[in-house]
């Protein structure tokens, strides 16, 4: 399964302001680097918790199968469309009557396409994320993202930079962690 984020969450507004406030930065000179750190912290939050924090438009490519297939990204807000790769490698949208979608109580999403519609890979377009904007993200997730980005900013250029989130960030994110058996 391959996931691509088509339209990422906007980190340039309130998230960047909150990080700059935490770091006591008042100029715009470091904004590009800070945005990169925020995005990396957002990605780390998703990897740790198993939940995409902010709403983004995504696609996942699935192998062809006639059974229900669960998307790896959570929580899924809406599944918008499915496309199948034809023998020439082009993506062809499937009519809605040719597939079924289901949003699960645990935040997952799944799709099913009967065999009669072909056997090329499937591309699922969907919206996923806990919160639509930074301000509506739960405080513990938001604060953990800011703390991780700030920690990485303060550790820049040191040989002992951390490879895992600091314990204070782990403590903030732990209640949100979702584990899945593979």
N, C-alpha and C. Protein backbone atom coordinates (compact mmCIF):
# COMPACT_ATOMS: atom_id res chain seq x y z
N UNK A 1 0.84 -1.18 0.00
CA UNK A 1 0.00 0.00 0.00
C UNK A 1 0.87 1.24 0.00
N UNK A 2 0.56 2.15 -0.86
CA UNK A 2 1.25 3.42 -0.93
C UNK A 2 0.27 4.53 -0.62
N UNK A 3 0.69 5.46 0.25
CA UNK A 3 -0.17 6.60 0.52
C UNK A 3 0.53 7.85 0.03
N UNK A 4 -0.27 8.73 -0.53
CA UNK A 4 0.21 10.05 -0.93
C UNK A 4 -0.72 11.09 -0.33
N UNK A 5 -0.15 12.15 0.19
CA UNK A 5 -0.96 13.26 0.69
C UNK A 5 -1.07 14.26 -0.45
N UNK A 6 -2.27 14.39 -0.98
CA UNK A 6 -2.53 15.25 -2.13
C UNK A 6 -2.60 16.71 -1.70
N UNK A 7 -3.34 16.99 -0.64
CA UNK A 7 -3.47 18.34 -0.09
C UNK A 7 -3.13 18.25 1.39
N UNK A 8 -1.91 18.66 1.77
CA UNK A 8 -1.52 18.55 3.18
C UNK A 8 -2.21 19.59 4.06
N UNK A 9 -2.14 19.35 5.35
CA UNK A 9 -2.67 20.30 6.33
C UNK A 9 -1.85 21.59 6.28
N UNK A 10 -2.51 22.70 6.53
CA UNK A 10 -1.85 24.01 6.53
C UNK A 10 -1.21 24.25 7.90
N UNK A 11 0.10 24.35 7.92
CA UNK A 11 0.83 24.57 9.17
C UNK A 11 1.34 26.01 9.28
N UNK A 12 1.09 26.83 8.25
CA UNK A 12 1.68 28.17 8.20
C UNK A 12 1.00 29.19 9.11
N UNK A 13 -0.20 28.95 9.54
CA UNK A 13 -0.92 29.94 10.34
C UNK A 13 -0.73 29.77 11.83
N UNK A 14 -1.74 29.24 12.48
CA UNK A 14 -1.75 29.13 13.93
C UNK A 14 -0.66 28.21 14.46
N UNK A 15 -0.37 27.12 13.76
CA UNK A 15 0.66 26.18 14.22
C UNK A 15 2.02 26.86 14.26
N UNK A 16 2.36 27.56 13.20
CA UNK A 16 3.64 28.26 13.15
C UNK A 16 3.70 29.34 14.23
N UNK A 17 2.63 30.07 14.42
CA UNK A 17 2.59 31.11 15.46
C UNK A 17 2.81 30.51 16.84
N UNK A 18 2.18 29.37 17.10
CA UNK A 18 2.33 28.73 18.40
C UNK A 18 3.76 28.25 18.63
N UNK A 19 4.38 27.68 17.61
CA UNK A 19 5.78 27.25 17.72
C UNK A 19 6.70 28.44 17.95
N UNK A 20 6.49 29.51 17.18
CA UNK A 20 7.33 30.70 17.33
C UNK A 20 7.17 31.31 18.72
N UNK A 21 5.97 31.28 19.24
CA UNK A 21 5.74 31.78 20.59
C UNK A 21 6.48 30.93 21.61
N UNK A 22 6.42 29.60 21.46
CA UNK A 22 7.11 28.68 22.36
C UNK A 22 8.62 28.93 22.34
N UNK A 23 9.15 29.23 21.15
CA UNK A 23 10.59 29.44 20.99
C UNK A 23 11.00 30.91 21.18
N UNK A 24 10.03 31.80 21.38
CA UNK A 24 10.29 33.24 21.52
C UNK A 24 10.98 33.82 20.28
N UNK A 25 10.49 33.41 19.12
CA UNK A 25 11.00 33.91 17.84
C UNK A 25 9.99 34.94 17.32
N UNK A 26 10.47 36.12 16.97
CA UNK A 26 9.58 37.18 16.51
C UNK A 26 9.80 37.56 15.05
N UNK A 27 10.84 37.02 14.41
CA UNK A 27 11.10 37.35 13.01
C UNK A 27 10.57 36.24 12.10
N UNK A 28 10.53 36.52 10.82
CA UNK A 28 10.08 35.52 9.84
C UNK A 28 11.24 34.79 9.18
N UNK A 29 12.46 35.14 9.56
CA UNK A 29 13.65 34.58 8.92
C UNK A 29 13.69 33.04 9.00
N UNK A 30 13.27 32.48 10.11
CA UNK A 30 13.34 31.02 10.31
C UNK A 30 12.06 30.28 9.91
N UNK A 31 11.07 30.98 9.38
CA UNK A 31 9.78 30.35 9.09
C UNK A 31 9.87 29.10 8.20
N UNK A 32 10.62 29.11 7.10
CA UNK A 32 10.68 27.89 6.27
C UNK A 32 11.19 26.67 7.04
N UNK A 33 12.24 26.86 7.81
CA UNK A 33 12.77 25.76 8.61
C UNK A 33 11.81 25.31 9.69
N UNK A 34 11.14 26.26 10.33
CA UNK A 34 10.17 25.93 11.37
C UNK A 34 8.98 25.16 10.79
N UNK A 35 8.56 25.54 9.60
CA UNK A 35 7.46 24.82 8.94
C UNK A 35 7.86 23.38 8.63
N UNK A 36 9.11 23.18 8.22
CA UNK A 36 9.61 21.84 7.96
C UNK A 36 9.61 21.02 9.25
N UNK A 37 10.04 21.63 10.35
CA UNK A 37 10.04 20.94 11.64
C UNK A 37 8.63 20.61 12.10
N UNK A 38 7.70 21.53 11.89
CA UNK A 38 6.30 21.27 12.24
C UNK A 38 5.73 20.10 11.44
N UNK A 39 6.03 20.07 10.14
CA UNK A 39 5.53 18.97 9.31
C UNK A 39 6.14 17.65 9.75
N UNK A 40 7.42 17.65 10.07
CA UNK A 40 8.07 16.43 10.55
C UNK A 40 7.46 15.98 11.88
N UNK A 41 7.17 16.92 12.77
CA UNK A 41 6.55 16.59 14.05
C UNK A 41 5.14 16.07 13.85
N UNK A 42 4.41 16.64 12.91
CA UNK A 42 3.06 16.16 12.58
C UNK A 42 3.13 14.72 12.07
N UNK A 43 4.10 14.44 11.20
CA UNK A 43 4.29 13.08 10.68
C UNK A 43 4.67 12.11 11.80
N UNK A 44 5.52 12.55 12.72
CA UNK A 44 5.92 11.71 13.84
C UNK A 44 4.74 11.44 14.76
N UNK A 45 3.88 12.43 14.95
CA UNK A 45 2.68 12.24 15.75
C UNK A 45 1.79 11.17 15.13
N UNK A 46 1.62 11.22 13.82
CA UNK A 46 0.82 10.20 13.15
C UNK A 46 1.46 8.83 13.27
N UNK A 47 2.77 8.76 13.09
CA UNK A 47 3.45 7.48 13.19
C UNK A 47 3.33 6.90 14.60
N UNK A 48 3.39 7.75 15.61
CA UNK A 48 3.33 7.29 17.00
C UNK A 48 1.91 6.89 17.40
N UNK A 49 0.93 7.73 17.06
CA UNK A 49 -0.44 7.48 17.51
C UNK A 49 -1.23 6.56 16.59
N UNK A 50 -0.86 6.51 15.33
CA UNK A 50 -1.64 5.75 14.36
C UNK A 50 -2.82 6.55 13.84
N UNK A 51 -2.86 7.84 14.14
CA UNK A 51 -3.95 8.73 13.72
C UNK A 51 -3.39 9.96 13.02
N UNK A 52 -3.97 10.32 11.88
CA UNK A 52 -3.57 11.54 11.20
C UNK A 52 -4.16 12.72 11.98
N UNK A 53 -3.32 13.59 12.52
CA UNK A 53 -3.84 14.67 13.38
C UNK A 53 -4.72 15.68 12.66
N UNK A 54 -4.25 16.22 11.54
CA UNK A 54 -4.99 17.27 10.83
C UNK A 54 -5.53 16.74 9.50
N UNK A 55 -6.69 17.21 9.15
CA UNK A 55 -7.35 16.76 7.92
C UNK A 55 -6.49 17.06 6.69
N UNK A 56 -6.38 16.06 5.84
CA UNK A 56 -5.65 16.18 4.59
C UNK A 56 -6.36 15.32 3.54
N UNK A 57 -6.19 15.70 2.29
CA UNK A 57 -6.70 14.91 1.18
C UNK A 57 -5.61 13.91 0.80
N UNK A 58 -5.97 12.63 0.74
CA UNK A 58 -4.99 11.57 0.53
C UNK A 58 -5.44 10.61 -0.56
N UNK A 59 -4.49 9.82 -1.02
CA UNK A 59 -4.79 8.65 -1.85
C UNK A 59 -3.98 7.49 -1.31
N UNK A 60 -4.53 6.29 -1.43
CA UNK A 60 -3.80 5.06 -1.14
C UNK A 60 -3.99 4.15 -2.33
N UNK A 61 -2.92 3.46 -2.69
CA UNK A 61 -2.97 2.48 -3.78
C UNK A 61 -3.03 1.10 -3.15
N UNK A 62 -4.02 0.32 -3.56
CA UNK A 62 -4.26 -1.01 -3.03
C UNK A 62 -4.10 -2.06 -4.13
N UNK A 63 -3.69 -3.23 -3.74
CA UNK A 63 -3.63 -4.35 -4.68
C UNK A 63 -5.05 -4.77 -5.03
N UNK A 64 -5.27 -5.30 -6.22
CA UNK A 64 -6.62 -5.75 -6.57
C UNK A 64 -7.03 -6.95 -5.72
N UNK A 65 -8.24 -6.91 -5.22
CA UNK A 65 -8.80 -8.02 -4.43
C UNK A 65 -10.31 -7.86 -4.40
N UNK A 66 -11.06 -8.96 -4.46
CA UNK A 66 -12.52 -8.87 -4.45
C UNK A 66 -13.10 -8.73 -3.03
N UNK A 67 -12.25 -8.74 -2.01
CA UNK A 67 -12.71 -8.66 -0.62
C UNK A 67 -12.59 -7.22 -0.11
N UNK A 68 -13.14 -6.98 1.08
CA UNK A 68 -13.00 -5.67 1.70
C UNK A 68 -11.52 -5.41 2.01
N UNK A 69 -11.06 -4.20 1.68
CA UNK A 69 -9.69 -3.80 1.96
C UNK A 69 -9.73 -2.54 2.83
N UNK A 70 -9.01 -2.59 3.93
CA UNK A 70 -9.01 -1.48 4.89
C UNK A 70 -7.87 -0.52 4.57
N UNK A 71 -8.19 0.77 4.57
CA UNK A 71 -7.17 1.80 4.38
C UNK A 71 -6.30 1.86 5.63
N UNK A 72 -5.03 2.13 5.46
CA UNK A 72 -4.11 2.20 6.61
C UNK A 72 -4.23 3.53 7.35
N UNK A 73 -4.60 4.58 6.68
CA UNK A 73 -4.70 5.90 7.30
C UNK A 73 -5.99 5.99 8.10
N UNK A 74 -5.90 6.62 9.29
CA UNK A 74 -7.06 6.81 10.16
C UNK A 74 -6.97 8.18 10.81
N UNK A 75 -8.05 8.75 11.21
CA UNK A 75 -9.43 8.39 10.94
C UNK A 75 -9.87 8.91 9.57
N UNK A 76 -10.59 8.09 8.86
CA UNK A 76 -11.10 8.45 7.54
C UNK A 76 -12.39 9.25 7.73
N UNK A 77 -12.45 10.41 7.11
CA UNK A 77 -13.66 11.26 7.17
C UNK A 77 -14.62 10.94 6.02
N UNK A 78 -14.06 10.72 4.84
CA UNK A 78 -14.88 10.44 3.65
C UNK A 78 -14.03 9.75 2.60
N UNK A 79 -14.63 8.81 1.89
CA UNK A 79 -13.99 8.19 0.73
C UNK A 79 -14.66 8.79 -0.48
N UNK A 80 -13.88 9.50 -1.30
CA UNK A 80 -14.45 10.28 -2.40
C UNK A 80 -14.56 9.51 -3.71
N UNK A 81 -13.52 8.73 -4.04
CA UNK A 81 -13.57 8.04 -5.33
C UNK A 81 -12.56 6.90 -5.38
N UNK A 82 -12.77 6.00 -6.35
CA UNK A 82 -11.84 4.92 -6.63
C UNK A 82 -11.49 4.96 -8.10
N UNK A 83 -10.27 4.59 -8.40
CA UNK A 83 -9.82 4.49 -9.79
C UNK A 83 -9.04 3.19 -9.91
N UNK A 84 -9.05 2.61 -11.12
CA UNK A 84 -8.31 1.38 -11.38
C UNK A 84 -7.28 1.67 -12.46
N UNK A 85 -6.10 1.06 -12.28
CA UNK A 85 -5.03 1.21 -13.28
C UNK A 85 -5.32 0.25 -14.43
N UNK A 86 -5.36 0.80 -15.64
CA UNK A 86 -5.61 -0.06 -16.81
C UNK A 86 -4.27 -0.67 -17.28
N UNK A 87 -4.32 -1.60 -18.23
CA UNK A 87 -3.08 -2.26 -18.69
C UNK A 87 -2.04 -1.29 -19.23
N UNK A 88 -2.46 -0.12 -19.72
CA UNK A 88 -1.51 0.87 -20.24
C UNK A 88 -0.89 1.71 -19.12
N UNK A 89 -1.38 1.53 -17.87
CA UNK A 89 -0.82 2.27 -16.74
C UNK A 89 -1.58 3.53 -16.37
N UNK A 90 -2.64 3.84 -17.09
CA UNK A 90 -3.44 5.05 -16.81
C UNK A 90 -4.49 4.72 -15.76
N UNK A 91 -4.83 5.73 -14.95
CA UNK A 91 -5.88 5.56 -13.93
C UNK A 91 -7.23 5.91 -14.54
N UNK A 92 -8.20 5.03 -14.36
CA UNK A 92 -9.56 5.22 -14.85
C UNK A 92 -10.51 5.22 -13.66
N UNK A 93 -11.28 6.31 -13.50
CA UNK A 93 -12.24 6.38 -12.41
C UNK A 93 -13.30 5.29 -12.57
N UNK A 94 -13.66 4.69 -11.44
CA UNK A 94 -14.72 3.68 -11.44
C UNK A 94 -16.05 4.35 -11.12
N UNK A 95 -17.12 3.96 -11.80
CA UNK A 95 -18.44 4.48 -11.43
C UNK A 95 -18.79 4.00 -10.02
N UNK A 96 -19.50 4.81 -9.28
CA UNK A 96 -19.84 4.47 -7.89
C UNK A 96 -20.60 3.15 -7.77
N UNK A 97 -21.33 2.75 -8.80
CA UNK A 97 -22.08 1.49 -8.77
C UNK A 97 -21.16 0.27 -8.80
N UNK A 98 -19.89 0.45 -9.14
CA UNK A 98 -18.97 -0.68 -9.28
C UNK A 98 -18.15 -0.96 -8.03
N UNK A 99 -18.37 -0.23 -6.95
CA UNK A 99 -17.62 -0.49 -5.73
C UNK A 99 -18.46 -0.13 -4.51
N UNK A 100 -18.02 -0.60 -3.36
CA UNK A 100 -18.69 -0.29 -2.09
C UNK A 100 -17.66 0.33 -1.15
N UNK A 101 -18.10 1.27 -0.34
CA UNK A 101 -17.24 1.89 0.67
C UNK A 101 -17.92 1.78 2.03
N UNK A 102 -17.11 1.82 3.07
CA UNK A 102 -17.65 1.72 4.43
C UNK A 102 -16.73 2.49 5.37
N UNK A 103 -17.31 3.33 6.21
CA UNK A 103 -16.57 4.00 7.26
C UNK A 103 -16.83 3.24 8.55
N UNK A 104 -15.78 2.85 9.23
CA UNK A 104 -15.87 2.00 10.40
C UNK A 104 -15.91 2.82 11.70
N UNK A 105 -16.46 2.22 12.73
CA UNK A 105 -16.61 2.91 14.02
C UNK A 105 -15.26 3.29 14.63
N UNK A 106 -14.20 2.55 14.32
CA UNK A 106 -12.89 2.84 14.89
C UNK A 106 -12.11 3.89 14.09
N UNK A 107 -12.76 4.52 13.11
CA UNK A 107 -12.12 5.55 12.31
C UNK A 107 -11.53 5.04 11.01
N UNK A 108 -11.59 3.75 10.80
CA UNK A 108 -11.06 3.19 9.56
C UNK A 108 -12.03 3.36 8.40
N UNK A 109 -11.52 3.15 7.23
CA UNK A 109 -12.33 3.14 6.02
C UNK A 109 -11.96 1.91 5.23
N UNK A 110 -12.92 1.38 4.51
CA UNK A 110 -12.64 0.21 3.69
C UNK A 110 -13.40 0.28 2.38
N UNK A 111 -12.87 -0.44 1.39
CA UNK A 111 -13.46 -0.47 0.06
C UNK A 111 -13.50 -1.91 -0.43
N UNK A 112 -14.47 -2.15 -1.33
CA UNK A 112 -14.59 -3.47 -1.95
C UNK A 112 -14.97 -3.27 -3.40
N UNK A 113 -14.21 -3.95 -4.27
CA UNK A 113 -14.48 -3.90 -5.71
C UNK A 113 -14.57 -5.33 -6.21
N UNK A 114 -15.72 -5.73 -6.74
CA UNK A 114 -15.85 -7.11 -7.26
C UNK A 114 -14.85 -7.37 -8.38
N UNK A 115 -14.50 -8.62 -8.57
CA UNK A 115 -13.52 -9.01 -9.58
C UNK A 115 -13.93 -8.62 -10.99
N UNK A 116 -15.20 -8.53 -11.25
CA UNK A 116 -15.66 -8.30 -12.63
C UNK A 116 -15.25 -6.93 -13.18
N UNK A 117 -14.76 -6.04 -12.31
CA UNK A 117 -14.39 -4.70 -12.79
C UNK A 117 -12.94 -4.62 -13.23
N UNK A 118 -12.22 -5.72 -13.27
CA UNK A 118 -10.83 -5.71 -13.71
C UNK A 118 -9.90 -6.14 -12.60
N UNK A 119 -8.61 -6.23 -12.92
CA UNK A 119 -7.68 -6.69 -11.90
C UNK A 119 -6.45 -5.79 -11.76
N UNK A 120 -6.54 -4.56 -12.15
CA UNK A 120 -5.44 -3.62 -11.95
C UNK A 120 -5.49 -3.03 -10.54
N UNK A 121 -4.41 -2.39 -10.14
CA UNK A 121 -4.33 -1.76 -8.82
C UNK A 121 -5.44 -0.72 -8.66
N UNK A 122 -5.82 -0.48 -7.40
CA UNK A 122 -6.86 0.50 -7.09
C UNK A 122 -6.24 1.73 -6.42
N UNK A 123 -6.72 2.90 -6.78
CA UNK A 123 -6.32 4.13 -6.10
C UNK A 123 -7.56 4.70 -5.43
N UNK A 124 -7.51 4.82 -4.11
CA UNK A 124 -8.63 5.33 -3.32
C UNK A 124 -8.32 6.77 -2.94
N UNK A 125 -9.23 7.69 -3.26
CA UNK A 125 -9.08 9.10 -2.87
C UNK A 125 -10.00 9.33 -1.67
N UNK A 126 -9.45 9.91 -0.61
CA UNK A 126 -10.22 10.09 0.61
C UNK A 126 -9.71 11.27 1.43
N UNK A 127 -10.52 11.65 2.40
CA UNK A 127 -10.16 12.69 3.36
C UNK A 127 -9.99 12.02 4.71
N UNK A 128 -8.89 12.35 5.40
CA UNK A 128 -8.65 11.76 6.71
C UNK A 128 -8.09 12.81 7.66
N UNK A 129 -8.30 12.60 8.94
CA UNK A 129 -7.72 13.47 9.96
C UNK A 129 -8.67 13.65 11.13
N UNK A 130 -8.09 13.93 12.30
CA UNK A 130 -8.88 14.15 13.51
C UNK A 130 -9.55 15.51 13.53
N UNK A 131 -8.80 16.54 13.13
CA UNK A 131 -9.30 17.92 13.27
C UNK A 131 -9.11 18.67 11.96
N UNK A 132 -10.07 19.53 11.65
CA UNK A 132 -10.02 20.29 10.40
C UNK A 132 -9.00 21.42 10.44
N UNK A 133 -8.71 21.93 11.63
CA UNK A 133 -7.76 23.04 11.74
C UNK A 133 -6.96 22.90 13.03
N UNK A 134 -5.86 23.60 13.09
CA UNK A 134 -4.95 23.52 14.22
C UNK A 134 -5.64 23.79 15.55
N UNK A 135 -6.45 24.81 15.61
CA UNK A 135 -7.10 25.20 16.87
C UNK A 135 -8.05 24.13 17.40
N UNK A 136 -8.61 23.30 16.54
CA UNK A 136 -9.55 22.28 16.99
C UNK A 136 -8.88 20.93 17.26
N UNK A 137 -7.56 20.85 17.06
CA UNK A 137 -6.82 19.64 17.38
C UNK A 137 -6.75 19.52 18.91
N UNK A 138 -6.96 18.31 19.46
CA UNK A 138 -6.87 18.16 20.92
C UNK A 138 -5.57 18.74 21.46
N UNK A 139 -5.65 19.39 22.60
CA UNK A 139 -4.52 20.13 23.17
C UNK A 139 -3.29 19.26 23.38
N UNK A 140 -3.48 18.02 23.81
CA UNK A 140 -2.30 17.18 24.07
C UNK A 140 -1.56 16.84 22.77
N UNK A 141 -2.27 16.61 21.71
CA UNK A 141 -1.61 16.35 20.43
C UNK A 141 -0.94 17.61 19.91
N UNK A 142 -1.65 18.72 19.96
CA UNK A 142 -1.12 20.00 19.49
C UNK A 142 0.15 20.38 20.26
N UNK A 143 0.08 20.28 21.59
CA UNK A 143 1.22 20.66 22.40
C UNK A 143 2.41 19.72 22.17
N UNK A 144 2.14 18.43 21.99
CA UNK A 144 3.21 17.49 21.69
C UNK A 144 3.91 17.80 20.37
N UNK A 145 3.13 18.18 19.36
CA UNK A 145 3.72 18.54 18.07
C UNK A 145 4.60 19.77 18.22
N UNK A 146 4.13 20.77 18.93
CA UNK A 146 4.92 21.99 19.15
C UNK A 146 6.18 21.66 19.95
N UNK A 147 6.04 20.87 21.00
CA UNK A 147 7.21 20.53 21.83
C UNK A 147 8.24 19.74 21.04
N UNK A 148 7.79 18.82 20.18
CA UNK A 148 8.73 18.04 19.38
C UNK A 148 9.43 18.93 18.37
N UNK A 149 8.69 19.79 17.68
CA UNK A 149 9.31 20.70 16.72
C UNK A 149 10.30 21.64 17.42
N UNK A 150 9.93 22.14 18.60
CA UNK A 150 10.82 23.03 19.36
C UNK A 150 12.07 22.28 19.80
N UNK A 151 11.91 21.05 20.24
CA UNK A 151 13.06 20.24 20.65
C UNK A 151 14.01 20.03 19.48
N UNK A 152 13.47 19.71 18.31
CA UNK A 152 14.31 19.51 17.14
C UNK A 152 15.01 20.81 16.73
N UNK A 153 14.32 21.92 16.87
CA UNK A 153 14.92 23.22 16.57
C UNK A 153 16.09 23.49 17.52
N UNK A 154 15.88 23.24 18.80
CA UNK A 154 16.93 23.49 19.79
C UNK A 154 18.09 22.51 19.67
N UNK A 155 17.85 21.31 19.12
CA UNK A 155 18.90 20.31 18.98
C UNK A 155 19.64 20.41 17.64
N UNK A 156 19.21 21.33 16.77
CA UNK A 156 19.82 21.41 15.44
C UNK A 156 21.32 21.63 15.55
N UNK A 157 22.03 20.96 14.70
CA UNK A 157 23.48 21.13 14.66
C UNK A 157 24.25 20.39 15.74
N UNK A 158 23.57 19.72 16.64
CA UNK A 158 24.29 18.96 17.67
C UNK A 158 24.46 17.53 17.22
N UNK A 159 25.50 16.94 17.67
CA UNK A 159 25.77 15.56 17.29
C UNK A 159 24.89 14.58 18.06
N UNK A 160 24.28 15.05 19.14
CA UNK A 160 23.46 14.17 19.97
C UNK A 160 21.96 14.40 19.74
N UNK A 161 21.59 14.83 18.57
CA UNK A 161 20.17 15.06 18.27
C UNK A 161 19.37 13.78 18.51
N UNK A 162 18.17 13.93 19.03
CA UNK A 162 17.32 12.78 19.37
C UNK A 162 16.79 12.09 18.11
N UNK A 163 16.62 10.79 18.24
CA UNK A 163 16.01 10.03 17.14
C UNK A 163 14.59 9.59 17.50
N UNK A 164 14.20 9.79 18.76
CA UNK A 164 12.84 9.45 19.23
C UNK A 164 12.28 10.67 19.95
N UNK A 165 10.96 10.77 20.05
CA UNK A 165 10.38 11.91 20.75
C UNK A 165 10.81 11.93 22.22
N UNK A 166 10.99 13.11 22.79
CA UNK A 166 11.31 13.19 24.21
C UNK A 166 10.17 12.61 25.05
N UNK A 167 10.48 12.22 26.26
CA UNK A 167 9.49 11.59 27.15
C UNK A 167 8.27 12.47 27.38
N UNK A 168 8.47 13.80 27.45
CA UNK A 168 7.32 14.68 27.67
C UNK A 168 6.34 14.63 26.49
N UNK A 169 6.85 14.46 25.28
CA UNK A 169 5.99 14.36 24.09
C UNK A 169 5.29 13.00 24.08
N UNK A 170 6.02 11.95 24.40
CA UNK A 170 5.43 10.61 24.46
C UNK A 170 4.29 10.60 25.47
N UNK A 171 4.49 11.24 26.61
CA UNK A 171 3.44 11.28 27.64
C UNK A 171 2.19 12.00 27.14
N UNK A 172 2.37 13.04 26.34
CA UNK A 172 1.23 13.77 25.79
C UNK A 172 0.48 12.95 24.74
N UNK A 173 1.20 12.19 23.95
CA UNK A 173 0.60 11.44 22.85
C UNK A 173 0.10 10.05 23.25
N UNK A 174 0.63 9.49 24.31
CA UNK A 174 0.33 8.10 24.68
C UNK A 174 -1.17 7.79 24.75
N UNK A 175 -2.00 8.66 25.36
CA UNK A 175 -3.43 8.32 25.42
C UNK A 175 -4.11 8.20 24.06
N UNK A 176 -3.52 8.76 23.02
CA UNK A 176 -4.09 8.73 21.68
C UNK A 176 -3.57 7.56 20.85
N UNK A 177 -2.61 6.84 21.35
CA UNK A 177 -1.95 5.80 20.58
C UNK A 177 -2.90 4.65 20.28
N UNK A 178 -2.94 4.25 19.03
CA UNK A 178 -3.75 3.12 18.58
C UNK A 178 -2.80 2.06 18.04
N UNK A 179 -2.94 0.89 18.57
CA UNK A 179 -2.07 -0.22 18.13
C UNK A 179 -2.89 -1.15 17.26
N UNK A 180 -2.22 -1.68 16.21
CA UNK A 180 -2.88 -2.64 15.33
C UNK A 180 -1.94 -3.82 15.13
N UNK A 181 -2.50 -4.99 15.10
CA UNK A 181 -1.72 -6.18 14.79
C UNK A 181 -1.62 -6.29 13.27
N UNK A 182 -0.46 -6.54 12.80
CA UNK A 182 -0.26 -6.63 11.34
C UNK A 182 -0.50 -8.03 10.84
